Amino acid sequence: MATRTKAATATAKKAGKAASEARGNPYVQRFIEDPDLRDNVREAFDAIKHAYKRVSNGKPPAKALMEDKKLQRDLRTAAQSLREASEQIRGKRRRKHRGRRILMLLILGAGVILAGSEDARKTVLDKLFGAEEEFEYASSTTPS
């Protein structure tokens, strides 16, 4: 029984030493303090777990990778989350370009409106180039 106690004590000392070394590690500190980093790691882990379930469903892995769109989406999500997490650990923060996204959505929306509505096209053309003069064509020949 005494050997078990000694072994347990030795294991506890090793665990305590590892924990104290981990507290001093800047990467562990950043992981503890940064909720976005934790979210990215959690999201990557969940995506990888879901992808593993899809691969291990009985299909050959090569066929699953080539044909399964959900598996491809999960792997893409995991890769992007891990990329963002690694950038955050290294201290690189990506700027979010919300203004660019809004501008692109506005341009896309205007294009859809112009493509779908003849009245909108006429209004835009009239504003840009001025109103057209309307005329009626009257043929001088008579149909036979």
N, C-alpha and C. Protein backbone atom coordinates (compact mmCIF):
# COMPACT_ATOMS: atom_id res chain seq x y z
N MET A 1 0.82 -1.19 0.00
CA MET A 1 0.00 0.00 0.00
C MET A 1 0.86 1.25 0.00
N ALA A 2 2.01 1.18 0.64
CA ALA A 2 2.89 2.33 0.72
C ALA A 2 3.46 2.69 -0.64
N THR A 3 3.66 1.68 -1.50
CA THR A 3 4.18 1.96 -2.84
C THR A 3 3.16 2.70 -3.67
N ARG A 4 1.90 2.35 -3.49
CA ARG A 4 0.86 3.08 -4.22
C ARG A 4 0.84 4.54 -3.78
N THR A 5 0.97 4.79 -2.55
CA THR A 5 0.95 6.15 -2.04
C THR A 5 2.15 6.92 -2.58
N LYS A 6 3.31 6.26 -2.63
CA LYS A 6 4.49 6.93 -3.17
C LYS A 6 4.31 7.22 -4.66
N ALA A 7 3.74 6.25 -5.38
CA ALA A 7 3.52 6.46 -6.81
C ALA A 7 2.51 7.57 -7.06
N ALA A 8 1.45 7.58 -6.27
CA ALA A 8 0.44 8.63 -6.40
C ALA A 8 1.02 9.99 -6.07
N THR A 9 1.86 10.04 -5.05
CA THR A 9 2.50 11.30 -4.66
C THR A 9 3.43 11.78 -5.75
N ALA A 10 4.18 10.86 -6.35
CA ALA A 10 5.10 11.23 -7.43
C ALA A 10 4.32 11.74 -8.64
N THR A 11 3.21 11.09 -8.97
CA THR A 11 2.38 11.52 -10.10
C THR A 11 1.78 12.90 -9.82
N ALA A 12 1.32 13.10 -8.60
CA ALA A 12 0.75 14.40 -8.24
C ALA A 12 1.80 15.50 -8.33
N LYS A 13 3.01 15.21 -7.92
CA LYS A 13 4.09 16.21 -8.01
C LYS A 13 4.39 16.54 -9.46
N LYS A 14 4.41 15.50 -10.32
CA LYS A 14 4.67 15.74 -11.74
C LYS A 14 3.55 16.57 -12.36
N ALA A 15 2.32 16.26 -12.00
CA ALA A 15 1.18 17.02 -12.53
C ALA A 15 1.22 18.47 -12.05
N GLY A 16 1.57 18.67 -10.79
CA GLY A 16 1.67 20.03 -10.26
C GLY A 16 2.76 20.82 -10.95
N LYS A 17 3.88 20.16 -11.22
CA LYS A 17 4.99 20.84 -11.90
C LYS A 17 4.59 21.20 -13.33
N ALA A 18 3.90 20.27 -14.01
CA ALA A 18 3.46 20.54 -15.38
C ALA A 18 2.46 21.69 -15.40
N ALA A 19 1.56 21.73 -14.41
CA ALA A 19 0.58 22.81 -14.36
C ALA A 19 1.24 24.16 -14.10
N SER A 20 2.24 24.18 -13.23
CA SER A 20 2.91 25.45 -12.96
C SER A 20 3.72 25.91 -14.17
N GLU A 21 4.31 24.98 -14.92
CA GLU A 21 5.02 25.36 -16.14
C GLU A 21 4.05 25.85 -17.21
N ALA A 22 2.89 25.22 -17.26
CA ALA A 22 1.89 25.64 -18.26
C ALA A 22 1.38 27.04 -17.97
N ARG A 23 1.25 27.39 -16.69
CA ARG A 23 0.77 28.73 -16.35
C ARG A 23 1.72 29.80 -16.84
N GLY A 24 3.01 29.48 -16.90
CA GLY A 24 3.99 30.46 -17.35
C GLY A 24 4.12 30.52 -18.86
N ASN A 25 3.53 29.58 -19.58
CA ASN A 25 3.63 29.54 -21.04
C ASN A 25 2.74 30.63 -21.64
N PRO A 26 3.29 31.49 -22.51
CA PRO A 26 2.47 32.57 -23.07
C PRO A 26 1.34 32.07 -23.97
N TYR A 27 1.53 30.92 -24.63
CA TYR A 27 0.47 30.39 -25.48
C TYR A 27 -0.71 29.91 -24.65
N VAL A 28 -0.41 29.25 -23.52
CA VAL A 28 -1.47 28.80 -22.63
C VAL A 28 -2.18 30.01 -22.03
N GLN A 29 -1.43 31.03 -21.67
CA GLN A 29 -2.04 32.25 -21.12
C GLN A 29 -2.99 32.89 -22.14
N ARG A 30 -2.55 32.95 -23.38
CA ARG A 30 -3.40 33.54 -24.41
C ARG A 30 -4.65 32.70 -24.62
N PHE A 31 -4.49 31.37 -24.55
CA PHE A 31 -5.65 30.47 -24.70
C PHE A 31 -6.63 30.67 -23.55
N ILE A 32 -6.12 30.87 -22.35
CA ILE A 32 -6.97 31.07 -21.19
C ILE A 32 -7.70 32.41 -21.25
N GLU A 33 -7.01 33.45 -21.71
CA GLU A 33 -7.56 34.80 -21.67
C GLU A 33 -8.40 35.18 -22.87
N ASP A 34 -8.21 34.53 -24.02
CA ASP A 34 -8.86 34.96 -25.26
C ASP A 34 -10.07 34.08 -25.58
N PRO A 35 -11.28 34.61 -25.42
CA PRO A 35 -12.48 33.79 -25.71
C PRO A 35 -12.62 33.48 -27.21
N ASP A 36 -12.18 34.39 -28.09
CA ASP A 36 -12.27 34.11 -29.53
C ASP A 36 -11.38 32.94 -29.91
N LEU A 37 -10.20 32.87 -29.32
CA LEU A 37 -9.30 31.76 -29.59
C LEU A 37 -9.92 30.45 -29.13
N ARG A 38 -10.51 30.45 -27.94
CA ARG A 38 -11.16 29.23 -27.44
C ARG A 38 -12.32 28.84 -28.35
N ASP A 39 -13.08 29.82 -28.83
CA ASP A 39 -14.20 29.52 -29.73
C ASP A 39 -13.70 28.91 -31.03
N ASN A 40 -12.62 29.45 -31.57
CA ASN A 40 -12.07 28.91 -32.81
C ASN A 40 -11.58 27.47 -32.63
N VAL A 41 -10.91 27.21 -31.52
CA VAL A 41 -10.42 25.85 -31.27
C VAL A 41 -11.59 24.90 -31.06
N ARG A 42 -12.60 25.34 -30.33
CA ARG A 42 -13.78 24.50 -30.10
C ARG A 42 -14.50 24.22 -31.41
N GLU A 43 -14.65 25.25 -32.24
CA GLU A 43 -15.33 25.08 -33.53
C GLU A 43 -14.55 24.11 -34.43
N ALA A 44 -13.23 24.23 -34.43
CA ALA A 44 -12.40 23.32 -35.23
C ALA A 44 -12.54 21.89 -34.71
N PHE A 45 -12.52 21.73 -33.39
CA PHE A 45 -12.65 20.40 -32.80
C PHE A 45 -14.00 19.78 -33.16
N ASP A 46 -15.07 20.55 -33.06
CA ASP A 46 -16.39 20.03 -33.39
C ASP A 46 -16.48 19.64 -34.87
N ALA A 47 -15.92 20.47 -35.74
CA ALA A 47 -15.96 20.17 -37.17
C ALA A 47 -15.15 18.91 -37.49
N ILE A 48 -14.00 18.76 -36.84
CA ILE A 48 -13.17 17.58 -37.08
C ILE A 48 -13.88 16.33 -36.56
N LYS A 49 -14.52 16.44 -35.41
CA LYS A 49 -15.25 15.30 -34.85
C LYS A 49 -16.39 14.89 -35.78
N HIS A 50 -17.12 15.87 -36.30
CA HIS A 50 -18.22 15.58 -37.21
C HIS A 50 -17.69 14.98 -38.51
N ALA A 51 -16.58 15.49 -39.00
CA ALA A 51 -15.98 14.96 -40.23
C ALA A 51 -15.52 13.52 -40.02
N TYR A 52 -14.96 13.23 -38.86
CA TYR A 52 -14.51 11.87 -38.57
C TYR A 52 -15.70 10.91 -38.56
N LYS A 53 -16.83 11.34 -38.00
CA LYS A 53 -18.03 10.50 -38.00
C LYS A 53 -18.50 10.23 -39.42
N ARG A 54 -18.40 11.23 -40.30
CA ARG A 54 -18.85 11.04 -41.67
C ARG A 54 -17.91 10.13 -42.45
N VAL A 55 -16.61 10.18 -42.14
CA VAL A 55 -15.65 9.32 -42.84
C VAL A 55 -15.79 7.88 -42.37
N SER A 56 -16.07 7.68 -41.10
CA SER A 56 -16.10 6.34 -40.55
C SER A 56 -17.48 5.69 -40.66
N ASN A 57 -18.29 6.11 -41.62
CA ASN A 57 -19.62 5.54 -41.75
C ASN A 57 -19.66 4.32 -42.67
N GLY A 58 -18.53 3.84 -43.15
CA GLY A 58 -18.50 2.63 -43.96
C GLY A 58 -18.01 2.84 -45.37
N LYS A 59 -18.09 4.05 -45.88
CA LYS A 59 -17.58 4.33 -47.23
C LYS A 59 -16.06 4.34 -47.20
N PRO A 60 -15.44 4.02 -48.33
CA PRO A 60 -13.98 4.20 -48.39
C PRO A 60 -13.63 5.68 -48.22
N PRO A 61 -12.57 6.00 -47.49
CA PRO A 61 -12.26 7.41 -47.22
C PRO A 61 -12.05 8.25 -48.48
N ALA A 62 -11.43 7.68 -49.50
CA ALA A 62 -11.20 8.45 -50.73
C ALA A 62 -12.52 8.82 -51.39
N LYS A 63 -13.45 7.89 -51.42
CA LYS A 63 -14.76 8.16 -52.02
C LYS A 63 -15.53 9.19 -51.19
N ALA A 64 -15.44 9.06 -49.87
CA ALA A 64 -16.13 10.02 -48.99
C ALA A 64 -15.56 11.42 -49.19
N LEU A 65 -14.25 11.54 -49.31
CA LEU A 65 -13.64 12.87 -49.50
C LEU A 65 -14.06 13.50 -50.82
N MET A 66 -14.19 12.69 -51.85
CA MET A 66 -14.50 13.24 -53.17
C MET A 66 -15.99 13.55 -53.34
N GLU A 67 -16.87 12.77 -52.71
CA GLU A 67 -18.29 12.89 -53.01
C GLU A 67 -19.13 13.55 -51.91
N ASP A 68 -18.68 13.49 -50.68
CA ASP A 68 -19.50 13.96 -49.57
C ASP A 68 -19.30 15.46 -49.35
N LYS A 69 -20.31 16.23 -49.73
CA LYS A 69 -20.21 17.70 -49.62
C LYS A 69 -20.20 18.16 -48.17
N LYS A 70 -20.94 17.47 -47.31
CA LYS A 70 -20.95 17.86 -45.90
C LYS A 70 -19.57 17.62 -45.27
N LEU A 71 -18.93 16.53 -45.64
CA LEU A 71 -17.58 16.25 -45.14
C LEU A 71 -16.62 17.33 -45.60
N GLN A 72 -16.72 17.72 -46.86
CA GLN A 72 -15.85 18.77 -47.38
C GLN A 72 -16.08 20.08 -46.65
N ARG A 73 -17.35 20.39 -46.36
CA ARG A 73 -17.67 21.61 -45.63
C ARG A 73 -17.09 21.57 -44.21
N ASP A 74 -17.22 20.41 -43.55
CA ASP A 74 -16.66 20.27 -42.20
C ASP A 74 -15.15 20.44 -42.21
N LEU A 75 -14.48 19.85 -43.17
CA LEU A 75 -13.02 19.97 -43.23
C LEU A 75 -12.60 21.40 -43.54
N ARG A 76 -13.36 22.08 -44.40
CA ARG A 76 -13.06 23.47 -44.71
C ARG A 76 -13.25 24.35 -43.48
N THR A 77 -14.33 24.10 -42.72
CA THR A 77 -14.59 24.86 -41.50
C THR A 77 -13.48 24.63 -40.48
N ALA A 78 -13.07 23.37 -40.33
CA ALA A 78 -12.01 23.05 -39.37
C ALA A 78 -10.70 23.73 -39.77
N ALA A 79 -10.38 23.70 -41.05
CA ALA A 79 -9.13 24.32 -41.50
C ALA A 79 -9.16 25.83 -41.27
N GLN A 80 -10.28 26.46 -41.58
CA GLN A 80 -10.37 27.91 -41.38
C GLN A 80 -10.30 28.27 -39.90
N SER A 81 -10.96 27.49 -39.05
CA SER A 81 -10.93 27.77 -37.62
C SER A 81 -9.52 27.59 -37.06
N LEU A 82 -8.83 26.54 -37.50
CA LEU A 82 -7.46 26.34 -37.03
C LEU A 82 -6.52 27.43 -37.53
N ARG A 83 -6.75 27.90 -38.76
CA ARG A 83 -5.93 28.98 -39.29
C ARG A 83 -6.12 30.25 -38.46
N GLU A 84 -7.38 30.56 -38.16
CA GLU A 84 -7.65 31.75 -37.34
C GLU A 84 -7.08 31.59 -35.94
N ALA A 85 -7.18 30.39 -35.37
CA ALA A 85 -6.64 30.16 -34.03
C ALA A 85 -5.12 30.31 -34.03
N SER A 86 -4.45 29.80 -35.07
CA SER A 86 -2.99 29.92 -35.10
C SER A 86 -2.57 31.38 -35.26
N GLU A 87 -3.33 32.15 -36.03
CA GLU A 87 -3.02 33.58 -36.17
C GLU A 87 -3.23 34.30 -34.84
N GLN A 88 -4.27 33.91 -34.11
CA GLN A 88 -4.53 34.55 -32.83
C GLN A 88 -3.47 34.18 -31.81
N ILE A 89 -3.00 32.94 -31.84
CA ILE A 89 -1.95 32.54 -30.89
C ILE A 89 -0.67 33.31 -31.17
N ARG A 90 -0.37 33.51 -32.45
CA ARG A 90 0.85 34.23 -32.80
C ARG A 90 0.70 35.73 -32.61
N GLY A 91 -0.51 36.17 -32.34
CA GLY A 91 -0.72 37.60 -32.07
C GLY A 91 -1.19 38.38 -33.27
N LYS A 92 -1.40 37.71 -34.38
CA LYS A 92 -1.89 38.41 -35.56
C LYS A 92 -3.41 38.43 -35.51
N ARG A 93 -3.94 39.58 -35.57
CA ARG A 93 -5.39 39.73 -35.57
C ARG A 93 -5.83 40.10 -36.98
N ARG A 94 -6.82 39.40 -37.46
CA ARG A 94 -7.38 39.77 -38.75
C ARG A 94 -8.37 40.89 -38.56
N ARG A 95 -8.30 41.84 -39.42
CA ARG A 95 -9.30 42.90 -39.40
C ARG A 95 -10.54 42.40 -40.11
N LYS A 96 -11.64 42.74 -39.57
CA LYS A 96 -12.88 42.38 -40.23
C LYS A 96 -13.26 43.54 -41.14
N HIS A 97 -13.49 43.23 -42.38
CA HIS A 97 -13.80 44.25 -43.38
C HIS A 97 -15.31 44.34 -43.55
N ARG A 98 -15.96 44.85 -42.54
CA ARG A 98 -17.41 44.94 -42.59
C ARG A 98 -17.86 45.94 -43.64
N GLY A 99 -17.12 47.03 -43.78
CA GLY A 99 -17.49 48.04 -44.77
C GLY A 99 -17.43 47.48 -46.18
N ARG A 100 -16.42 46.68 -46.46
CA ARG A 100 -16.31 46.07 -47.78
C ARG A 100 -17.45 45.11 -48.04
N ARG A 101 -17.80 44.34 -47.02
CA ARG A 101 -18.90 43.38 -47.18
C ARG A 101 -20.21 44.11 -47.45
N ILE A 102 -20.46 45.17 -46.71
CA ILE A 102 -21.69 45.93 -46.91
C ILE A 102 -21.72 46.54 -48.30
N LEU A 103 -20.57 47.10 -48.74
CA LEU A 103 -20.50 47.68 -50.07
C LEU A 103 -20.76 46.63 -51.15
N MET A 104 -20.17 45.45 -50.99
CA MET A 104 -20.39 44.38 -51.97
C MET A 104 -21.84 43.94 -51.98
N LEU A 105 -22.47 43.87 -50.81
CA LEU A 105 -23.89 43.50 -50.76
C LEU A 105 -24.75 44.56 -51.44
N LEU A 106 -24.43 45.83 -51.24
CA LEU A 106 -25.19 46.90 -51.89
C LEU A 106 -25.04 46.83 -53.40
N ILE A 107 -23.82 46.61 -53.87
CA ILE A 107 -23.59 46.52 -55.32
C ILE A 107 -24.32 45.32 -55.90
N LEU A 108 -24.24 44.20 -55.21
CA LEU A 108 -24.91 42.99 -55.68
C LEU A 108 -26.43 43.18 -55.69
N GLY A 109 -26.95 43.79 -54.63
CA GLY A 109 -28.38 44.06 -54.57
C GLY A 109 -28.84 44.99 -55.68
N ALA A 110 -28.05 46.04 -55.96
CA ALA A 110 -28.40 46.96 -57.04
C ALA A 110 -28.38 46.24 -58.38
N GLY A 111 -27.42 45.35 -58.57
CA GLY A 111 -27.36 44.58 -59.82
C GLY A 111 -28.56 43.69 -59.99
N VAL A 112 -28.99 43.06 -58.92
CA VAL A 112 -30.18 42.19 -58.99
C VAL A 112 -31.42 43.02 -59.30
N ILE A 113 -31.54 44.16 -58.66
CA ILE A 113 -32.71 45.02 -58.91
C ILE A 113 -32.71 45.49 -60.35
N LEU A 114 -31.55 45.92 -60.86
CA LEU A 114 -31.49 46.40 -62.24
C LEU A 114 -31.76 45.27 -63.23
N ALA A 115 -31.30 44.07 -62.92
CA ALA A 115 -31.54 42.95 -63.82
C ALA A 115 -33.00 42.53 -63.81
N GLY A 116 -33.67 42.70 -62.70
CA GLY A 116 -35.04 42.22 -62.59
C GLY A 116 -36.11 43.24 -62.93
N SER A 117 -35.83 44.51 -62.88
CA SER A 117 -36.87 45.52 -63.05
C SER A 117 -36.55 46.44 -64.22
N GLU A 118 -37.44 46.42 -65.20
CA GLU A 118 -37.25 47.29 -66.37
C GLU A 118 -37.43 48.76 -66.00
N ASP A 119 -38.36 49.04 -65.10
CA ASP A 119 -38.57 50.42 -64.66
C ASP A 119 -37.33 50.97 -63.95
N ALA A 120 -36.68 50.15 -63.16
CA ALA A 120 -35.47 50.59 -62.47
C ALA A 120 -34.36 50.88 -63.48
N ARG A 121 -34.22 50.03 -64.49
CA ARG A 121 -33.21 50.27 -65.53
C ARG A 121 -33.48 51.58 -66.26
N LYS A 122 -34.74 51.82 -66.62
CA LYS A 122 -35.09 53.06 -67.32
C LYS A 122 -34.80 54.28 -66.46
N THR A 123 -35.11 54.18 -65.17
CA THR A 123 -34.87 55.30 -64.26
C THR A 123 -33.38 55.60 -64.15
N VAL A 124 -32.58 54.56 -64.02
CA VAL A 124 -31.13 54.76 -63.90
C VAL A 124 -30.57 55.34 -65.19
N LEU A 125 -30.98 54.82 -66.33
CA LEU A 125 -30.49 55.34 -67.60
C LEU A 125 -30.92 56.79 -67.81
N ASP A 126 -32.14 57.12 -67.41
CA ASP A 126 -32.60 58.50 -67.52
C ASP A 126 -31.78 59.43 -66.63
N LYS A 127 -31.44 58.98 -65.44
CA LYS A 127 -30.62 59.81 -64.54
C LYS A 127 -29.21 59.98 -65.07
N LEU A 128 -28.65 58.91 -65.65
CA LEU A 128 -27.28 58.98 -66.14
C LEU A 128 -27.15 59.75 -67.45
N PHE A 129 -28.02 59.47 -68.40
CA PHE A 129 -27.86 60.00 -69.74
C PHE A 129 -28.96 60.98 -70.16
N GLY A 130 -29.89 61.27 -69.29
CA GLY A 130 -30.97 62.17 -69.63
C GLY A 130 -32.14 61.39 -70.22
N ALA A 131 -33.29 62.03 -70.20
CA ALA A 131 -34.49 61.36 -70.69
C ALA A 131 -34.42 61.20 -72.20
N GLU A 132 -34.92 60.07 -72.67
CA GLU A 132 -34.94 59.83 -74.12
C GLU A 132 -36.14 60.52 -74.73
N GLU A 133 -35.96 60.92 -75.96
CA GLU A 133 -37.10 61.47 -76.68
C GLU A 133 -37.86 60.30 -77.28
N GLU A 134 -39.16 60.32 -77.03
CA GLU A 134 -39.96 59.22 -77.57
C GLU A 134 -40.50 59.63 -78.92
N PHE A 135 -40.50 58.71 -79.80
CA PHE A 135 -41.05 58.95 -81.12
C PHE A 135 -41.74 57.69 -81.59
N GLU A 136 -42.66 57.89 -82.52
CA GLU A 136 -43.34 56.74 -83.11
C GLU A 136 -42.95 56.67 -84.56
N TYR A 137 -42.70 55.48 -84.98
CA TYR A 137 -42.30 55.26 -86.36
C TYR A 137 -43.54 54.98 -87.17
N ALA A 138 -43.66 55.76 -88.21
CA ALA A 138 -44.78 55.55 -89.13
C ALA A 138 -44.20 55.18 -90.49
N SER A 139 -44.59 54.05 -90.98
CA SER A 139 -44.06 53.55 -92.25
C SER A 139 -44.76 54.27 -93.40
N SER A 140 -43.99 54.61 -94.40
CA SER A 140 -44.57 55.28 -95.56
C SER A 140 -45.04 54.27 -96.60
N THR A 141 -44.70 53.04 -96.40
CA THR A 141 -45.16 52.00 -97.34
C THR A 141 -46.32 51.25 -96.71
N THR A 142 -47.10 50.71 -97.55
CA THR A 142 -48.22 49.93 -97.06
C THR A 142 -47.89 48.45 -97.18
N PRO A 143 -48.33 47.67 -96.23
CA PRO A 143 -48.04 46.24 -96.32
C PRO A 143 -48.81 45.61 -97.48
N SER A 144 -48.20 44.64 -98.10
CA SER A 144 -48.87 44.02 -99.25
C SER A 144 -49.71 42.83 -98.86
